């Protein structure tokens, strides 16, 4: 089948190709990830200050506990969630 040959060739070529990534792409990804975790609604990071300003001091406790629970379960951020949650918890 001609279609099967083309799909196999495309798969082989696609997985064999090496794509070089510009260092700026890596720097932007690191900055974006750090900013995203900085906006989590816990403690004294920027997201926590936004929640405290919008909903009050007592709402921050509920948001923080929920976020720490989700970070512990790995819901936010994939493999980076547990180290980031521990980092924010220790720095509090």
Protein backbone atom coordinates (compact mmCIF):
# COMPACT_ATOMS: atom_id res chain seq x y z
CA UNK A 1 0.00 0.00 0.00
CA UNK A 2 1.45 3.33 -1.05
CA UNK A 3 -0.12 5.20 1.86
CA UNK A 4 1.46 2.84 4.42
CA UNK A 5 4.91 3.37 2.92
CA UNK A 6 4.60 7.16 3.15
CA UNK A 7 3.32 7.09 6.71
CA UNK A 8 6.18 4.79 7.76
CA UNK A 9 8.75 7.00 6.04
CA UNK A 10 7.31 10.13 7.65
CA UNK A 11 7.38 8.50 11.08
CA UNK A 12 10.98 7.32 10.64
CA UNK A 13 12.22 10.65 9.31
CA UNK A 14 10.36 12.60 11.96
CA UNK A 15 11.84 10.61 14.85
CA UNK A 16 15.33 10.51 13.41
CA UNK A 17 15.60 14.26 12.84
CA UNK A 18 17.50 16.38 15.33
CA UNK A 19 16.12 19.83 15.88
CA UNK A 20 18.41 22.45 17.35
CA UNK A 21 16.77 24.81 19.79
CA UNK A 22 17.98 28.35 20.22
CA UNK A 23 19.21 29.11 23.76
CA UNK A 24 16.72 31.97 23.96
CA UNK A 25 13.86 29.44 23.71
CA UNK A 26 15.21 27.62 26.76
CA UNK A 27 15.60 30.90 28.66
CA UNK A 28 12.04 31.94 27.81
CA UNK A 29 10.69 28.53 28.89
CA UNK A 30 12.50 28.80 32.24
CA UNK A 31 11.20 32.32 32.79
CA UNK A 32 7.65 31.37 31.87
CA UNK A 33 7.70 28.36 34.20
CA UNK A 34 9.09 30.41 37.08
CA UNK A 35 6.48 33.12 36.55
CA UNK A 36 3.66 30.58 36.39
CA UNK A 37 4.70 29.01 39.69
CA UNK A 38 5.19 32.47 41.19
CA UNK A 39 1.53 33.22 40.53
CA UNK A 40 0.29 30.27 42.61
CA UNK A 41 -2.04 31.51 45.36
CA UNK A 42 0.12 30.59 48.37
CA UNK A 43 1.83 32.58 51.10
CA UNK A 44 3.95 35.57 50.20
CA UNK A 45 4.58 34.91 46.51
CA UNK A 46 2.86 37.21 44.01
CA UNK A 47 -0.21 34.98 43.60
CA UNK A 48 -0.70 34.90 47.37
CA UNK A 49 -0.56 38.67 47.56
CA UNK A 50 -3.14 38.96 44.78
CA UNK A 51 -5.51 36.57 46.58
CA UNK A 52 -5.00 38.40 49.88
CA UNK A 53 -5.71 41.75 48.25
CA UNK A 54 -8.81 40.48 46.45
CA UNK A 55 -10.41 38.20 49.04
CA UNK A 56 -8.77 38.97 52.39
CA UNK A 57 -6.32 37.33 54.74
CA UNK A 58 -8.51 34.40 55.77
CA UNK A 59 -9.29 33.37 52.19
CA UNK A 60 -5.56 33.07 51.57
CA UNK A 61 -5.37 30.22 54.10
CA UNK A 62 -8.00 28.21 52.20
CA UNK A 63 -6.43 28.95 48.83
CA UNK A 64 -2.99 28.06 50.19
CA UNK A 65 -4.08 24.73 51.66
CA UNK A 66 -5.87 23.81 48.45
CA UNK A 67 -2.86 24.74 46.33
CA UNK A 68 -0.44 22.84 48.57
CA UNK A 69 -2.70 19.79 48.35
CA UNK A 70 -2.83 19.99 44.55
CA UNK A 71 0.94 20.52 44.37
CA UNK A 72 1.49 17.47 46.58
CA UNK A 73 -0.72 15.37 44.32
CA UNK A 74 1.11 16.61 41.24
CA UNK A 75 -1.91 18.26 39.64
CA UNK A 76 -0.17 21.61 39.00
CA UNK A 77 3.04 21.63 37.00
CA UNK A 78 3.75 17.94 36.47
CA UNK A 79 7.16 16.83 37.73
CA UNK A 80 8.03 20.31 39.02
CA UNK A 81 5.04 20.58 41.33
CA UNK A 82 6.37 18.77 44.39
CA UNK A 83 9.81 20.50 44.45
CA UNK A 84 8.18 23.90 43.92
CA UNK A 85 5.62 23.26 46.66
CA UNK A 86 8.37 22.24 49.08
CA UNK A 87 10.43 25.29 48.11
CA UNK A 88 7.55 27.70 48.73
CA UNK A 89 6.65 25.91 51.99
CA UNK A 90 10.24 26.10 53.31
CA UNK A 91 10.66 29.76 52.28
CA UNK A 92 7.48 30.85 54.10
